[in-house]
Protein backbone atom coordinates (compact mmCIF):
# COMPACT_ATOMS: atom_id res chain seq x y z
CA MET A 1 7.48 2.45 4.11
CA SER A 2 7.94 6.14 3.85
CA PRO A 3 6.61 7.89 0.72
CA VAL A 4 10.06 9.48 0.42
CA THR A 5 11.58 6.01 0.06
CA HIS A 6 9.01 5.14 -2.60
CA PHE A 7 9.76 8.40 -4.40
CA PHE A 8 13.49 7.73 -4.55
CA THR A 9 12.96 4.11 -5.62
CA GLY A 10 10.70 5.27 -8.44
CA TRP A 11 13.22 7.90 -9.41
CA VAL A 12 16.02 5.32 -9.61
CA LEU A 13 13.84 3.01 -11.71
CA ALA A 14 12.84 5.87 -14.04
CA ASN A 15 16.47 6.70 -14.67
CA LEU A 16 17.31 3.15 -15.74
CA ALA A 17 15.65 3.68 -19.12
CA SER A 18 16.01 6.38 -21.74
CA LEU A 19 12.88 8.38 -21.00
CA SER A 20 12.06 12.05 -21.36
CA ARG A 21 11.80 14.21 -18.28
CA ARG A 22 7.99 14.01 -18.28
CA GLU A 23 8.08 10.23 -18.58
CA ARG A 24 10.58 9.91 -15.72
CA VAL A 25 8.23 12.00 -13.59
CA LEU A 26 5.32 9.68 -14.46
CA VAL A 27 7.30 6.57 -13.54
CA THR A 28 8.52 8.18 -10.32
CA LEU A 29 5.03 9.28 -9.28
CA ALA A 30 3.64 5.82 -10.07
CA CYS A 31 5.79 4.51 -7.23
CA VAL A 32 4.24 7.03 -4.82
CA ALA A 33 0.65 6.86 -6.13
CA PRO A 34 -0.56 3.96 -3.91
CA ASP A 35 0.02 6.14 -0.85
CA LEU A 36 -2.44 8.82 -2.00
CA ASP A 37 -5.06 7.12 0.15
CA GLY A 38 -2.99 8.22 3.16
CA LEU A 39 -4.11 11.81 2.57
CA GLY A 40 -7.33 10.89 4.37
CA VAL A 41 -5.44 11.40 7.62
CA VAL A 42 -5.79 15.16 7.11
CA ALA A 43 -9.59 14.96 7.05
CA ASP A 44 -9.54 12.62 10.04
CA TYR A 45 -7.39 15.05 12.01
CA PHE A 46 -9.60 18.09 11.39
CA THR A 47 -12.87 16.27 12.11
CA ARG A 48 -11.75 14.13 15.03
CA ASN A 49 -13.65 16.17 17.66
CA SER A 50 -16.77 16.79 15.58
CA PRO A 51 -20.03 14.94 16.23
CA HIS A 52 -19.52 13.01 12.97
CA PRO A 53 -15.79 12.52 12.46
CA LEU A 54 -14.60 11.37 9.06
CA GLU A 55 -12.70 8.12 9.24
CA TRP A 56 -11.25 8.16 5.75
CA PHE A 57 -7.75 7.17 6.75
CA SER A 58 -8.78 4.28 8.98
CA THR A 59 -11.40 3.09 6.49
CA TYR A 60 -9.62 3.55 3.18
CA HIS A 61 -5.91 3.32 4.02
CA HIS A 62 -4.33 0.76 1.66
CA SER A 63 -7.40 0.69 -0.59
CA LEU A 64 -5.31 2.02 -3.49
CA HIS A 65 -2.75 -0.75 -3.08
CA SER A 66 -4.56 -2.87 -5.66
CA LEU A 67 -4.32 -4.18 -9.20
CA PRO A 68 -7.20 -2.02 -10.51
CA PHE A 69 -5.46 1.14 -9.32
CA ALA A 70 -2.15 -0.08 -10.79
CA ILE A 71 -3.91 -0.40 -14.15
CA VAL A 72 -5.36 3.13 -13.77
CA VAL A 73 -1.91 4.55 -13.00
CA ALA A 74 -0.38 2.72 -15.98
CA ALA A 75 -3.20 3.92 -18.26
CA MET A 76 -2.70 7.53 -17.14
CA SER A 77 1.02 7.19 -17.80
CA PHE A 78 0.24 5.73 -21.21
CA ALA A 79 -2.01 8.68 -22.04
CA LEU A 80 0.49 11.34 -20.94
CA ALA A 81 3.70 9.88 -22.40
CA THR A 82 5.27 10.00 -25.85
CA GLN A 83 6.92 6.59 -25.47
CA ARG A 84 3.57 5.19 -24.40
CA TRP A 85 4.14 1.45 -23.93
CA LYS A 86 7.57 1.81 -22.39
CA THR A 87 6.38 4.43 -19.90
CA ALA A 88 3.19 2.57 -19.02
CA GLY A 89 5.14 -0.64 -18.45
CA MET A 90 7.70 1.11 -16.28
CA ALA A 91 4.91 2.85 -14.32
CA PHE A 92 3.20 -0.51 -13.77
CA LEU A 93 6.51 -1.98 -12.59
CA SER A 94 7.16 1.05 -10.39
CA PHE A 95 3.73 0.65 -8.78
CA HIS A 96 4.46 -2.98 -7.99
CA ILE A 97 7.89 -2.15 -6.61
CA HIS A 98 6.01 0.06 -4.14
CA LEU A 99 3.92 -2.95 -3.11
CA LEU A 100 7.05 -5.08 -2.73
CA GLU A 101 8.66 -2.41 -0.56
CA ASP A 102 5.53 -2.26 1.60
CA LEU A 103 5.56 -6.02 1.92
CA LEU A 104 9.21 -6.13 2.96
CA GLY A 105 9.28 -3.07 5.17
CA SER A 106 5.78 -2.45 6.44
CA ARG A 107 5.29 -1.46 10.02
CA GLY A 108 3.11 -4.01 11.72
CA GLU A 109 2.65 -5.46 15.12
CA CYS A 110 4.90 -8.32 14.15
CA ARG A 111 6.58 -9.87 11.14
CA SER A 112 3.92 -12.56 10.63
CA ARG A 113 1.13 -10.00 10.24
CA ARG A 114 2.96 -7.87 7.68
CA VAL A 115 1.93 -9.99 4.71
CA ALA A 116 -1.80 -9.74 5.38
CA HIS A 117 -1.53 -6.04 6.21
CA SER A 118 0.35 -5.20 3.02
CA ILE A 119 -1.60 -7.24 0.51
CA PRO A 120 -5.28 -6.26 0.39
CA SER A 121 -6.13 -9.28 -1.76
CA LEU A 122 -5.65 -11.40 1.38
CA ASP A 123 -8.76 -9.67 2.74
CA ASP A 124 -10.74 -12.11 0.61
CA CYS A 125 -9.36 -14.96 2.70
CA SER A 126 -11.75 -14.53 5.61
CA GLY A 127 -10.59 -17.72 7.31
CA LEU A 128 -6.89 -16.94 7.05
CA GLN A 129 -5.08 -17.63 10.30
CA ILE A 130 -1.69 -16.14 10.96
CA PRO A 131 0.46 -17.01 13.99
CA ARG A 132 1.23 -14.09 16.25
CA CYS A 133 4.71 -13.10 17.34
CA ALA A 134 6.00 -14.29 20.66
CA ARG A 135 6.85 -10.73 21.62
CA ASP A 136 3.18 -9.72 21.27
CA ASP A 137 2.07 -12.07 23.98
CA LYS A 138 4.72 -14.09 25.78
CA LYS A 139 2.16 -16.35 27.43
CA ARG A 140 0.38 -17.25 24.20
CA SER A 141 3.18 -17.05 21.66
CA MET A 142 1.43 -19.28 19.15
CA SER A 143 -2.14 -18.10 19.67
CA LEU A 144 -3.96 -17.27 16.47
CA THR A 145 -5.44 -14.08 15.12
CA LYS A 146 -7.60 -14.04 12.03
CA LEU A 147 -9.11 -11.59 9.61
CA ASP A 148 -12.85 -10.95 9.84
CA GLN A 149 -15.15 -10.61 6.81
CA ALA A 150 -14.26 -6.92 6.33
CA GLY A 151 -10.56 -7.75 6.29
CA ARG A 152 -9.86 -6.21 9.70
CA TRP A 153 -8.02 -8.01 12.46
CA ASP A 154 -10.30 -9.91 14.82
CA ARG A 155 -9.07 -8.65 18.19
CA SER A 156 -11.38 -10.91 20.18
CA LEU A 157 -8.53 -13.39 20.48
CA ASP A 158 -6.18 -10.82 22.05
């Protein structure tokens, strides 16, 4: 989903509780924080024609969509807030609402691949097989695609 959508969702959540302005900002930014790894696209763009292009976006995109980073965001919110536990809990919830939005509205090649694309913990399931969409390949509508050891799609079946 768009970071703007995440921003507004976090803003709505932050305004559901009686928080100070600073705490509302922390909860709102917690909903956008997982997309900070998308900033690697800038480095990729400027080094794309160099002899050693950086591939930060393609390598690290969605690496911050994880429980450890959610804990870091909640801990930072805890440290910067006056209503510490309330703000940290709301920031943790806001972070996970971001993940839910990505799960429900992620752009993928088809609906069946969205779950594995949006949840990095599925990368650990190296043998996971997910049916492809019929619109991807009308001849082989139920052919299988699987994740390789690095969690990338094995395109050898395409």
